[in-house]
PDB file of all heavy atoms in Angstrom:
ATOM      1  N   GLU A   1       6.985 -13.115  32.577  1.00  0.00           N
ATOM      2  CA  GLU A   1       7.363 -11.834  33.159  1.00  0.00           C
ATOM      3  C   GLU A   1       8.859 -11.805  33.471  1.00  0.00           C
ATOM      4  O   GLU A   1       9.548 -10.815  33.213  1.00  0.00           O
ATOM      5  CB  GLU A   1       6.559 -11.570  34.438  1.00  0.00           C
ATOM      6  CG  GLU A   1       6.839 -10.207  35.046  1.00  0.00           C
ATOM      7  CD  GLU A   1       5.952  -9.916  36.245  1.00  0.00           C
ATOM      8  OE1 GLU A   1       5.435 -10.867  36.868  1.00  0.00           O
ATOM      9  OE2 GLU A   1       5.770  -8.730  36.569  1.00  0.00           O
ATOM     10  N   LYS A   2       9.380 -12.890  34.000  1.00  0.00           N
ATOM     11  CA  LYS A   2      10.807 -12.953  34.328  1.00  0.00           C
ATOM     12  C   LYS A   2      11.677 -12.991  33.075  1.00  0.00           C
ATOM     13  O   LYS A   2      12.816 -12.550  33.093  1.00  0.00           O
ATOM     14  CB  LYS A   2      11.089 -14.186  35.189  1.00  0.00           C
ATOM     15  CG  LYS A   2      10.564 -14.076  36.617  1.00  0.00           C
ATOM     16  CD  LYS A   2      10.886 -15.321  37.418  1.00  0.00           C
ATOM     17  CE  LYS A   2      10.404 -15.188  38.861  1.00  0.00           C
ATOM     18  NZ  LYS A   2      10.681 -16.407  39.650  1.00  0.00           N
ATOM     19  N   SER A   3      11.132 -13.524  31.990  1.00  0.00           N
ATOM     20  CA  SER A   3      11.940 -13.651  30.776  1.00  0.00           C
ATOM     21  C   SER A   3      12.263 -12.298  30.162  1.00  0.00           C
ATOM     22  O   SER A   3      13.282 -12.132  29.499  1.00  0.00           O
ATOM     23  CB  SER A   3      11.217 -14.516  29.736  1.00  0.00           C
ATOM     24  OG  SER A   3      10.176 -13.792  29.121  1.00  0.00           O
ATOM     25  N   GLY A   4      11.371 -11.313  30.342  1.00  0.00           N
ATOM     26  CA  GLY A   4      11.641  -9.977  29.824  1.00  0.00           C
ATOM     27  C   GLY A   4      11.236  -9.765  28.383  1.00  0.00           C
ATOM     28  O   GLY A   4      10.929  -8.650  27.979  1.00  0.00           O
ATOM     29  N   ASN A   5      11.263 -10.811  27.554  1.00  0.00           N
ATOM     30  CA  ASN A   5      10.779 -10.685  26.172  1.00  0.00           C
ATOM     31  C   ASN A   5      10.188 -12.013  25.739  1.00  0.00           C
ATOM     32  O   ASN A   5      10.686 -13.081  26.104  1.00  0.00           O
ATOM     33  CB  ASN A   5      11.886 -10.225  25.225  1.00  0.00           C
ATOM     34  CG  ASN A   5      13.079 -11.147  25.219  1.00  0.00           C
ATOM     35  OD1 ASN A   5      13.050 -12.217  24.624  1.00  0.00           O
ATOM     36  ND2 ASN A   5      14.156 -10.749  25.892  1.00  0.00           N
ATOM     37  N   PHE A   6       9.124 -11.930  24.985  1.00  0.00           N
ATOM     38  CA  PHE A   6       8.396 -13.150  24.645  1.00  0.00           C
ATOM     39  C   PHE A   6       7.406 -12.882  23.522  1.00  0.00           C
ATOM     40  O   PHE A   6       6.996 -11.750  23.282  1.00  0.00           O
ATOM     41  CB  PHE A   6       7.639 -13.686  25.867  1.00  0.00           C
ATOM     42  CG  PHE A   6       6.703 -12.682  26.499  1.00  0.00           C
ATOM     43  CD1 PHE A   6       5.370 -12.629  26.130  1.00  0.00           C
ATOM     44  CD2 PHE A   6       7.169 -11.796  27.450  1.00  0.00           C
ATOM     45  CE1 PHE A   6       4.501 -11.707  26.700  1.00  0.00           C
ATOM     46  CE2 PHE A   6       6.309 -10.849  28.032  1.00  0.00           C
ATOM     47  CZ  PHE A   6       4.976 -10.816  27.660  1.00  0.00           C
ATOM     48  N   ILE A   7       7.023 -13.931  22.839  1.00  0.00           N
ATOM     49  CA  ILE A   7       5.899 -13.908  21.911  1.00  0.00           C
ATOM     50  C   ILE A   7       4.649 -14.198  22.722  1.00  0.00           C
ATOM     51  O   ILE A   7       4.595 -15.173  23.483  1.00  0.00           O
ATOM     52  CB  ILE A   7       6.065 -14.970  20.816  1.00  0.00           C
ATOM     53  CG1 ILE A   7       7.322 -14.680  19.987  1.00  0.00           C
ATOM     54  CG2 ILE A   7       4.830 -15.031  19.905  1.00  0.00           C
ATOM     55  CD1 ILE A   7       7.751 -15.836  19.111  1.00  0.00           C
ATOM     56  N   ASP A   8       3.641 -13.366  22.611  1.00  0.00           N
ATOM     57  CA  ASP A   8       2.434 -13.540  23.420  1.00  0.00           C
ATOM     58  C   ASP A   8       1.287 -14.168  22.637  1.00  0.00           C
ATOM     59  O   ASP A   8       0.428 -14.813  23.224  1.00  0.00           O
ATOM     60  CB  ASP A   8       1.981 -12.188  23.979  1.00  0.00           C
ATOM     61  CG  ASP A   8       0.966 -12.338  25.108  1.00  0.00           C
ATOM     62  OD1 ASP A   8       1.214 -13.171  26.008  1.00  0.00           O
ATOM     63  OD2 ASP A   8      -0.057 -11.634  25.098  1.00  0.00           O
ATOM     64  N   MET A   9       1.260 -13.964  21.339  1.00  0.00           N
ATOM     65  CA  MET A   9       0.155 -14.501  20.538  1.00  0.00           C
ATOM     66  C   MET A   9       0.595 -14.747  19.112  1.00  0.00           C
ATOM     67  O   MET A   9       1.396 -14.000  18.562  1.00  0.00           O
ATOM     68  CB  MET A   9      -1.022 -13.515  20.561  1.00  0.00           C
ATOM     69  CG  MET A   9      -2.263 -13.984  19.793  1.00  0.00           C
ATOM     70  SD  MET A   9      -2.202 -13.559  18.013  1.00  0.00           S
ATOM     71  CE  MET A   9      -2.792 -11.873  18.047  1.00  0.00           C
ATOM     72  N   TYR A  10       0.073 -15.816  18.551  1.00  0.00           N
ATOM     73  CA  TYR A  10       0.284 -16.105  17.136  1.00  0.00           C
ATOM     74  C   TYR A  10      -1.002 -16.714  16.593  1.00  0.00           C
ATOM     75  O   TYR A  10      -1.545 -17.670  17.164  1.00  0.00           O
ATOM     76  CB  TYR A  10       1.441 -17.086  16.960  1.00  0.00           C
ATOM     77  CG  TYR A  10       1.687 -17.506  15.523  1.00  0.00           C
ATOM     78  CD1 TYR A  10       2.243 -16.624  14.613  1.00  0.00           C
ATOM     79  CD2 TYR A  10       1.370 -18.784  15.079  1.00  0.00           C
ATOM     80  CE1 TYR A  10       2.480 -16.999  13.298  1.00  0.00           C
ATOM     81  CE2 TYR A  10       1.599 -19.169  13.769  1.00  0.00           C
ATOM     82  CZ  TYR A  10       2.161 -18.282  12.891  1.00  0.00           C
ATOM     83  OH  TYR A  10       2.389 -18.651  11.593  1.00  0.00           O
ATOM     84  N   ALA A  11      -1.527 -16.142  15.527  1.00  0.00           N
ATOM     85  CA  ALA A  11      -2.731 -16.664  14.890  1.00  0.00           C
ATOM     86  C   ALA A  11      -2.490 -16.738  13.395  1.00  0.00           C
ATOM     87  O   ALA A  11      -1.787 -15.895  12.821  1.00  0.00           O
ATOM     88  CB  ALA A  11      -3.940 -15.770  15.177  1.00  0.00           C
ATOM     89  N   SER A  12      -3.066 -17.743  12.764  1.00  0.00           N
ATOM     90  CA  SER A  12      -2.860 -17.900  11.325  1.00  0.00           C
ATOM     91  C   SER A  12      -4.135 -18.375  10.654  1.00  0.00           C
ATOM     92  O   SER A  12      -4.994 -19.028  11.268  1.00  0.00           O
ATOM     93  CB  SER A  12      -1.729 -18.901  11.052  1.00  0.00           C
ATOM     94  OG  SER A  12      -2.037 -20.166  11.593  1.00  0.00           O
ATOM     95  N   ALA A  13      -4.239 -18.031   9.375  1.00  0.00           N
ATOM     96  CA  ALA A  13      -5.355 -18.516   8.576  1.00  0.00           C
ATOM     97  C   ALA A  13      -5.151 -19.999   8.290  1.00  0.00           C
ATOM     98  O   ALA A  13      -4.017 -20.467   8.152  1.00  0.00           O
ATOM     99  CB  ALA A  13      -5.456 -17.731   7.270  1.00  0.00           C
ATOM    100  N   ASP A  14      -6.239 -20.727   8.204  1.00  0.00           N
ATOM    101  CA  ASP A  14      -6.142 -22.172   8.009  1.00  0.00           C
ATOM    102  C   ASP A  14      -5.482 -22.541   6.694  1.00  0.00           C
ATOM    103  O   ASP A  14      -4.900 -23.626   6.574  1.00  0.00           O
ATOM    104  CB  ASP A  14      -7.536 -22.811   8.095  1.00  0.00           C
ATOM    105  CG  ASP A  14      -8.139 -22.687   9.488  1.00  0.00           C
ATOM    106  OD1 ASP A  14      -7.378 -22.407  10.441  1.00  0.00           O
ATOM    107  OD2 ASP A  14      -9.372 -22.848   9.621  1.00  0.00           O
ATOM    108  N   ASP A  15      -5.530 -21.644   5.700  1.00  0.00           N
ATOM    109  CA  ASP A  15      -4.889 -21.958   4.423  1.00  0.00           C
ATOM    110  C   ASP A  15      -3.385 -21.691   4.446  1.00  0.00           C
ATOM    111  O   ASP A  15      -2.674 -21.966   3.477  1.00  0.00           O
ATOM    112  CB  ASP A  15      -5.538 -21.186   3.268  1.00  0.00           C
ATOM    113  CG  ASP A  15      -5.398 -19.670   3.395  1.00  0.00           C
ATOM    114  OD1 ASP A  15      -4.647 -19.201   4.279  1.00  0.00           O
ATOM    115  OD2 ASP A  15      -6.040 -18.949   2.602  1.00  0.00           O
ATOM    116  N   GLY A  16      -2.883 -21.136   5.576  1.00  0.00           N
ATOM    117  CA  GLY A  16      -1.451 -20.946   5.730  1.00  0.00           C
ATOM    118  C   GLY A  16      -0.873 -19.726   5.055  1.00  0.00           C
ATOM    119  O   GLY A  16       0.345 -19.554   5.048  1.00  0.00           O
ATOM    120  N   PHE A  17      -1.695 -18.843   4.521  1.00  0.00           N
ATOM    121  CA  PHE A  17      -1.174 -17.709   3.760  1.00  0.00           C
ATOM    122  C   PHE A  17      -1.204 -16.375   4.497  1.00  0.00           C
ATOM    123  O   PHE A  17      -0.732 -15.371   3.972  1.00  0.00           O
ATOM    124  CB  PHE A  17      -1.918 -17.577   2.427  1.00  0.00           C
ATOM    125  CG  PHE A  17      -1.490 -18.603   1.414  1.00  0.00           C
ATOM    126  CD1 PHE A  17      -2.225 -19.773   1.242  1.00  0.00           C
ATOM    127  CD2 PHE A  17      -0.345 -18.418   0.666  1.00  0.00           C
ATOM    128  CE1 PHE A  17      -1.824 -20.727   0.322  1.00  0.00           C
ATOM    129  CE2 PHE A  17       0.065 -19.362  -0.258  1.00  0.00           C
ATOM    130  CZ  PHE A  17      -0.676 -20.528  -0.433  1.00  0.00           C
ATOM    131  N   ASP A  18      -1.765 -16.329   5.700  1.00  0.00           N
ATOM    132  CA  ASP A  18      -1.805 -15.097   6.472  1.00  0.00           C
ATOM    133  C   ASP A  18      -1.537 -15.404   7.940  1.00  0.00           C
ATOM    134  O   ASP A  18      -1.971 -16.455   8.447  1.00  0.00           O
ATOM    135  CB  ASP A  18      -3.170 -14.405   6.371  1.00  0.00           C
ATOM    136  CG  ASP A  18      -3.557 -14.037   4.959  1.00  0.00           C
ATOM    137  OD1 ASP A  18      -2.809 -13.292   4.317  1.00  0.00           O
ATOM    138  OD2 ASP A  18      -4.612 -14.525   4.494  1.00  0.00           O
ATOM    139  N   ASN A  19      -0.867 -14.490   8.631  1.00  0.00           N
ATOM    140  CA  ASN A  19      -0.738 -14.649  10.078  1.00  0.00           C
ATOM    141  C   ASN A  19      -0.555 -13.304  10.750  1.00  0.00           C
ATOM    142  O   ASN A  19      -0.251 -12.292  10.110  1.00  0.00           O
ATOM    143  CB  ASN A  19       0.396 -15.624  10.449  1.00  0.00           C
ATOM    144  CG  ASN A  19       1.786 -15.056  10.238  1.00  0.00           C
ATOM    145  OD1 ASN A  19       2.101 -13.959  10.698  1.00  0.00           O
ATOM    146  ND2 ASN A  19       2.632 -15.805   9.535  1.00  0.00           N
ATOM    147  N   ILE A  20      -0.760 -13.300  12.061  1.00  0.00           N
ATOM    148  CA  ILE A  20      -0.546 -12.119  12.886  1.00  0.00           C
ATOM    149  C   ILE A  20       0.075 -12.583  14.187  1.00  0.00           C
ATOM    150  O   ILE A  20      -0.275 -13.660  14.700  1.00  0.00           O
ATOM    151  CB  ILE A  20      -1.869 -11.352  13.124  1.00  0.00           C
ATOM    152  CG1 ILE A  20      -1.605 -10.061  13.891  1.00  0.00           C
ATOM    153  CG2 ILE A  20      -2.904 -12.219  13.839  1.00  0.00           C
ATOM    154  CD1 ILE A  20      -2.801  -9.106  13.915  1.00  0.00           C
ATOM    155  N   ASN A  21       1.026 -11.815  14.696  1.00  0.00           N
ATOM    156  CA  ASN A  21       1.622 -12.198  15.971  1.00  0.00           C
ATOM    157  C   ASN A  21       1.921 -10.970  16.804  1.00  0.00           C
ATOM    158  O   ASN A  21       2.052  -9.853  16.281  1.00  0.00           O
ATOM    159  CB  ASN A  21       2.881 -13.048  15.770  1.00  0.00           C
ATOM    160  CG  ASN A  21       4.038 -12.268  15.204  1.00  0.00           C
ATOM    161  OD1 ASN A  21       4.713 -11.532  15.923  1.00  0.00           O
ATOM    162  ND2 ASN A  21       4.288 -12.423  13.904  1.00  0.00           N
ATOM    163  N   ILE A  22       2.006 -11.173  18.107  1.00  0.00           N
ATOM    164  CA  ILE A  22       2.313 -10.114  19.055  1.00  0.00           C
ATOM    165  C   ILE A  22       3.493 -10.562  19.899  1.00  0.00           C
ATOM    166  O   ILE A  22       3.473 -11.652  20.487  1.00  0.00           O
ATOM    167  CB  ILE A  22       1.108  -9.800  19.961  1.00  0.00           C
ATOM    168  CG1 ILE A  22      -0.059  -9.262  19.133  1.00  0.00           C
ATOM    169  CG2 ILE A  22       1.491  -8.801  21.052  1.00  0.00           C
ATOM    170  CD1 ILE A  22      -1.332  -9.036  19.936  1.00  0.00           C
ATOM    171  N   SER A  23       4.537  -9.728  19.964  1.00  0.00           N
ATOM    172  CA  SER A  23       5.669  -9.991  20.839  1.00  0.00           C
ATOM    173  C   SER A  23       5.866  -8.798  21.761  1.00  0.00           C
ATOM    174  O   SER A  23       5.385  -7.690  21.485  1.00  0.00           O
ATOM    175  CB  SER A  23       6.942 -10.262  20.027  1.00  0.00           C
ATOM    176  OG  SER A  23       7.300  -9.128  19.266  1.00  0.00           O
ATOM    177  N   ALA A  24       6.564  -9.027  22.879  1.00  0.00           N
ATOM    178  CA  ALA A  24       6.751  -7.969  23.864  1.00  0.00           C
ATOM    179  C   ALA A  24       8.154  -8.037  24.447  1.00  0.00           C
ATOM    180  O   ALA A  24       8.721  -9.121  24.607  1.00  0.00           O
ATOM    181  CB  ALA A  24       5.714  -8.098  24.981  1.00  0.00           C
ATOM    182  N   GLN A  25       8.690  -6.868  24.770  1.00  0.00           N
ATOM    183  CA  GLN A  25       9.996  -6.769  25.404  1.00  0.00           C
ATOM    184  C   GLN A  25       9.932  -5.725  26.502  1.00  0.00           C
ATOM    185  O   GLN A  25       9.505  -4.592  26.276  1.00  0.00           O
ATOM    186  CB  GLN A  25      11.076  -6.368  24.393  1.00  0.00           C
ATOM    187  CG  GLN A  25      12.459  -6.239  25.015  1.00  0.00           C
ATOM    188  CD  GLN A  25      13.481  -5.650  24.067  1.00  0.00           C
ATOM    189  OE1 GLN A  25      13.126  -5.218  22.979  1.00  0.00           O
ATOM    190  NE2 GLN A  25      14.730  -5.610  24.474  1.00  0.00           N
ATOM    191  N   LYS A  26      10.362  -6.088  27.712  1.00  0.00           N
ATOM    192  CA  LYS A  26      10.346  -5.147  28.822  1.00  0.00           C
ATOM    193  C   LYS A  26      11.450  -4.112  28.644  1.00  0.00           C
ATOM    194  O   LYS A  26      12.577  -4.446  28.285  1.00  0.00           O
ATOM    195  CB  LYS A  26      10.532  -5.880  30.147  1.00  0.00           C
ATOM    196  CG  LYS A  26      10.214  -5.017  31.360  1.00  0.00           C
ATOM    197  CD  LYS A  26      10.160  -5.837  32.625  1.00  0.00           C
ATOM    198  CE  LYS A  26       9.698  -4.992  33.800  1.00  0.00           C
ATOM    199  NZ  LYS A  26       9.599  -5.797  35.041  1.00  0.00           N
ATOM    200  N   LEU A  27      11.118  -2.831  28.925  1.00  0.00           N
ATOM    201  CA  LEU A  27      12.062  -1.740  28.742  1.00  0.00           C
ATOM    202  C   LEU A  27      12.352  -1.043  30.066  1.00  0.00           C
ATOM    203  O   LEU A  27      11.515  -1.026  30.973  1.00  0.00           O
ATOM    204  CB  LEU A  27      11.495  -0.695  27.772  1.00  0.00           C
ATOM    205  CG  LEU A  27      11.010  -1.164  26.407  1.00  0.00           C
ATOM    206  CD1 LEU A  27      10.558   0.039  25.596  1.00  0.00           C
ATOM    207  CD2 LEU A  27      12.092  -1.930  25.684  1.00  0.00           C
ATOM    208  N   SER A  28      13.519  -0.447  30.141  1.00  0.00           N
ATOM    209  CA  SER A  28      13.836   0.420  31.268  1.00  0.00           C
ATOM    210  C   SER A  28      13.272   1.808  30.978  1.00  0.00           C
ATOM    211  O   SER A  28      12.890   2.127  29.847  1.00  0.00           O
ATOM    212  CB  SER A  28      15.352   0.503  31.461  1.00  0.00           C
ATOM    213  OG  SER A  28      15.946   1.181  30.350  1.00  0.00           O
ATOM    214  N   LYS A  29      13.245   2.655  32.006  1.00  0.00           N
ATOM    215  CA  LYS A  29      12.736   4.015  31.812  1.00  0.00           C
ATOM    216  C   LYS A  29      13.584   4.778  30.803  1.00  0.00           C
ATOM    217  O   LYS A  29      13.062   5.548  29.990  1.00  0.00           O
ATOM    218  CB  LYS A  29      12.700   4.756  33.148  1.00  0.00           C
ATOM    219  CG  LYS A  29      11.628   4.242  34.093  1.00  0.00           C
ATOM    220  CD  LYS A  29      11.599   5.065  35.374  1.00  0.00           C
ATOM    221  CE  LYS A  29      10.490   4.566  36.314  1.00  0.00           C
ATOM    222  NZ  LYS A  29      10.466   5.349  37.576  1.00  0.00           N
ATOM    223  N   SER A  30      14.901   4.582  30.845  1.00  0.00           N
ATOM    224  CA  SER A  30      15.772   5.286  29.904  1.00  0.00           C
ATOM    225  C   SER A  30      15.546   4.802  28.476  1.00  0.00           C
ATOM    226  O   SER A  30      15.605   5.590  27.519  1.00  0.00           O
ATOM    227  CB  SER A  30      17.242   5.108  30.288  1.00  0.00           C
ATOM    228  OG  SER A  30      17.621   3.737  30.232  1.00  0.00           O
ATOM    229  N   GLU A  31      15.275   3.512  28.304  1.00  0.00           N
ATOM    230  CA  GLU A  31      14.999   2.980  26.968  1.00  0.00           C
ATOM    231  C   GLU A  31      13.697   3.549  26.418  1.00  0.00           C
ATOM    232  O   GLU A  31      13.592   3.852  25.231  1.00  0.00           O
ATOM    233  CB  GLU A  31      14.940   1.456  27.015  1.00  0.00           C
ATOM    234  CG  GLU A  31      16.301   0.810  27.190  1.00  0.00           C
ATOM    235  CD  GLU A  31      16.209  -0.678  27.432  1.00  0.00           C
ATOM    236  OE1 GLU A  31      15.201  -1.148  28.004  1.00  0.00           O
ATOM    237  OE2 GLU A  31      17.158  -1.394  27.050  1.00  0.00           O
ATOM    238  N   ILE A  32      12.708   3.700  27.303  1.00  0.00           N
ATOM    239  CA  ILE A  32      11.433   4.271  26.870  1.00  0.00           C
ATOM    240  C   ILE A  32      11.624   5.722  26.429  1.00  0.00           C
ATOM    241  O   ILE A  32      11.090   6.153  25.403  1.00  0.00           O
ATOM    242  CB  ILE A  32      10.384   4.182  27.995  1.00  0.00           C
ATOM    243  CG1 ILE A  32      10.004   2.710  28.235  1.00  0.00           C
ATOM    244  CG2 ILE A  32       9.147   5.000  27.651  1.00  0.00           C
ATOM    245  CD1 ILE A  32       9.106   2.505  29.432  1.00  0.00           C
ATOM    246  N   LYS A  33      12.417   6.473  27.186  1.00  0.00           N
ATOM    247  CA  LYS A  33      12.625   7.885  26.871  1.00  0.00           C
ATOM    248  C   LYS A  33      13.279   8.085  25.512  1.00  0.00           C
ATOM    249  O   LYS A  33      12.967   9.034  24.791  1.00  0.00           O
ATOM    250  CB  LYS A  33      13.469   8.547  27.967  1.00  0.00           C
ATOM    251  CG  LYS A  33      12.705   8.792  29.254  1.00  0.00           C
ATOM    252  CD  LYS A  33      13.601   9.481  30.277  1.00  0.00           C
ATOM    253  CE  LYS A  33      12.838   9.752  31.572  1.00  0.00           C
ATOM    254  NZ  LYS A  33      13.692  10.407  32.590  1.00  0.00           N
ATOM    255  N   LYS A  34      14.205   7.201  25.144  1.00  0.00           N
ATOM    256  CA  LYS A  34      14.917   7.411  23.880  1.00  0.00           C
ATOM    257  C   LYS A  34      14.340   6.597  22.720  1.00  0.00           C
ATOM    258  O   LYS A  34      14.841   6.674  21.604  1.00  0.00           O
ATOM    259  CB  LYS A  34      16.406   7.094  24.040  1.00  0.00           C
ATOM    260  CG  LYS A  34      16.727   5.640  24.309  1.00  0.00           C
ATOM    261  CD  LYS A  34      18.242   5.487  24.506  1.00  0.00           C
ATOM    262  CE  LYS A  34      18.616   4.036  24.780  1.00  0.00           C
ATOM    263  NZ  LYS A  34      20.075   3.900  25.025  1.00  0.00           N
ATOM    264  N   PHE A  35      13.257   5.861  22.997  1.00  0.00           N
ATOM    265  CA  PHE A  35      12.663   5.060  21.937  1.00  0.00           C
ATOM    266  C   PHE A  35      12.046   5.945  20.869  1.00  0.00           C
ATOM    267  O   PHE A  35      11.296   6.878  21.165  1.00  0.00           O
ATOM    268  CB  PHE A  35      11.598   4.120  22.499  1.00  0.00           C
ATOM    269  CG  PHE A  35      10.860   3.359  21.425  1.00  0.00           C
ATOM    270  CD1 PHE A  35      11.477   2.320  20.754  1.00  0.00           C
ATOM    271  CD2 PHE A  35       9.561   3.700  21.072  1.00  0.00           C
ATOM    272  CE1 PHE A  35      10.811   1.624  19.757  1.00  0.00           C
ATOM    273  CE2 PHE A  35       8.887   3.009  20.080  1.00  0.00           C
ATOM    274  CZ  PHE A  35       9.522   1.965  19.423  1.00  0.00           C
ATOM    275  N   ASP A  36      12.357   5.665  19.637  1.00  0.00           N
ATOM    276  CA  ASP A  36      11.798   6.371  18.493  1.00  0.00           C
ATOM    277  C   ASP A  36      11.486   5.328  17.426  1.00  0.00           C
ATOM    278  O   ASP A  36      12.388   4.702  16.878  1.00  0.00           O
ATOM    279  CB  ASP A  36      12.805   7.394  17.974  1.00  0.00           C
ATOM    280  CG  ASP A  36      12.236   8.257  16.845  1.00  0.00           C
ATOM    281  OD1 ASP A  36      11.860   7.691  15.803  1.00  0.00           O
ATOM    282  OD2 ASP A  36      12.177   9.488  17.015  1.00  0.00           O
ATOM    283  N   ALA A  37      10.209   5.126  17.155  1.00  0.00           N
ATOM    284  CA  ALA A  37       9.800   4.050  16.250  1.00  0.00           C
ATOM    285  C   ALA A  37      10.384   4.219  14.852  1.00  0.00           C
ATOM    286  O   ALA A  37      10.870   3.247  14.253  1.00  0.00           O
ATOM    287  CB  ALA A  37       8.273   3.974  16.179  1.00  0.00           C
ATOM    288  N   VAL A  38      10.365   5.426  14.326  1.00  0.00           N
ATOM    289  CA  VAL A  38      10.862   5.653  12.970  1.00  0.00           C
ATOM    290  C   VAL A  38      12.352   5.350  12.885  1.00  0.00           C
ATOM    291  O   VAL A  38      12.813   4.645  11.979  1.00  0.00           O
ATOM    292  CB  VAL A  38      10.578   7.102  12.511  1.00  0.00           C
ATOM    293  CG1 VAL A  38      11.293   7.385  11.198  1.00  0.00           C
ATOM    294  CG2 VAL A  38       9.082   7.318  12.356  1.00  0.00           C
ATOM    295  N   GLU A  39      13.122   5.883  13.852  1.00  0.00           N
ATOM    296  CA  GLU A  39      14.560   5.624  13.845  1.00  0.00           C
ATOM    297  C   GLU A  39      14.854   4.142  14.021  1.00  0.00           C
ATOM    298  O   GLU A  39      15.783   3.586  13.419  1.00  0.00           O
ATOM    299  CB  GLU A  39      15.246   6.431  14.952  1.00  0.00           C
ATOM    300  CG  GLU A  39      15.229   7.930  14.727  1.00  0.00           C
ATOM    301  CD  GLU A  39      15.900   8.319  13.422  1.00  0.00           C
ATOM    302  OE1 GLU A  39      16.975   7.767  13.116  1.00  0.00           O
ATOM    303  OE2 GLU A  39      15.349   9.171  12.700  1.00  0.00           O
ATOM    304  N   ASN A  40      14.041   3.482  14.840  1.00  0.00           N
ATOM    305  CA  ASN A  40      14.220   2.048  15.040  1.00  0.00           C
ATOM    306  C   ASN A  40      14.006   1.277  13.751  1.00  0.00           C
ATOM    307  O   ASN A  40      14.806   0.413  13.373  1.00  0.00           O
ATOM    308  CB  ASN A  40      13.249   1.552  16.109  1.00  0.00           C
ATOM    309  CG  ASN A  40      13.256   0.044  16.223  1.00  0.00           C
ATOM    310  OD1 ASN A  40      14.264  -0.547  16.571  1.00  0.00           O
ATOM    311  ND2 ASN A  40      12.126  -0.573  15.905  1.00  0.00           N
ATOM    312  N   PHE A  41      12.933   1.586  13.040  1.00  0.00           N
ATOM    313  CA  PHE A  41      12.648   0.883  11.797  1.00  0.00           C
ATOM    314  C   PHE A  41      13.720   1.168  10.744  1.00  0.00           C
ATOM    315  O   PHE A  41      14.139   0.270  10.012  1.00  0.00           O
ATOM    316  CB  PHE A  41      11.267   1.265  11.268  1.00  0.00           C
ATOM    317  CG  PHE A  41      10.127   0.699  12.072  1.00  0.00           C
ATOM    318  CD1 PHE A  41       9.022   1.483  12.388  1.00  0.00           C
ATOM    319  CD2 PHE A  41      10.146  -0.611  12.513  1.00  0.00           C
ATOM    320  CE1 PHE A  41       7.970   0.968  13.128  1.00  0.00           C
ATOM    321  CE2 PHE A  41       9.088  -1.143  13.263  1.00  0.00           C
ATOM    322  CZ  PHE A  41       8.011  -0.347  13.566  1.00  0.00           C
ATOM    323  N   LYS A  42      14.168   2.419  10.686  1.00  0.00           N
ATOM    324  CA  LYS A  42      15.220   2.755   9.730  1.00  0.00           C
ATOM    325  C   LYS A  42      16.475   1.930  10.001  1.00  0.00           C
ATOM    326  O   LYS A  42      17.131   1.437   9.071  1.00  0.00           O
ATOM    327  CB  LYS A  42      15.559   4.245   9.816  1.00  0.00           C
ATOM    328  CG  LYS A  42      14.520   5.164   9.189  1.00  0.00           C
ATOM    329  CD  LYS A  42      14.951   6.620   9.322  1.00  0.00           C
ATOM    330  CE  LYS A  42      13.939   7.565   8.688  1.00  0.00           C
ATOM    331  NZ  LYS A  42      14.351   8.991   8.855  1.00  0.00           N
TER     332      LYS A  42
END
């Protein structure tokens, strides 16, 4: 919680060819208001 950003989960297939992970970053209210996923990805 104090770190503000972290990887929370990582899972992988035993054959090593697939994985999924979850990361998180704490945001301020102003960051949430201006967040736009499409613009971010672009």
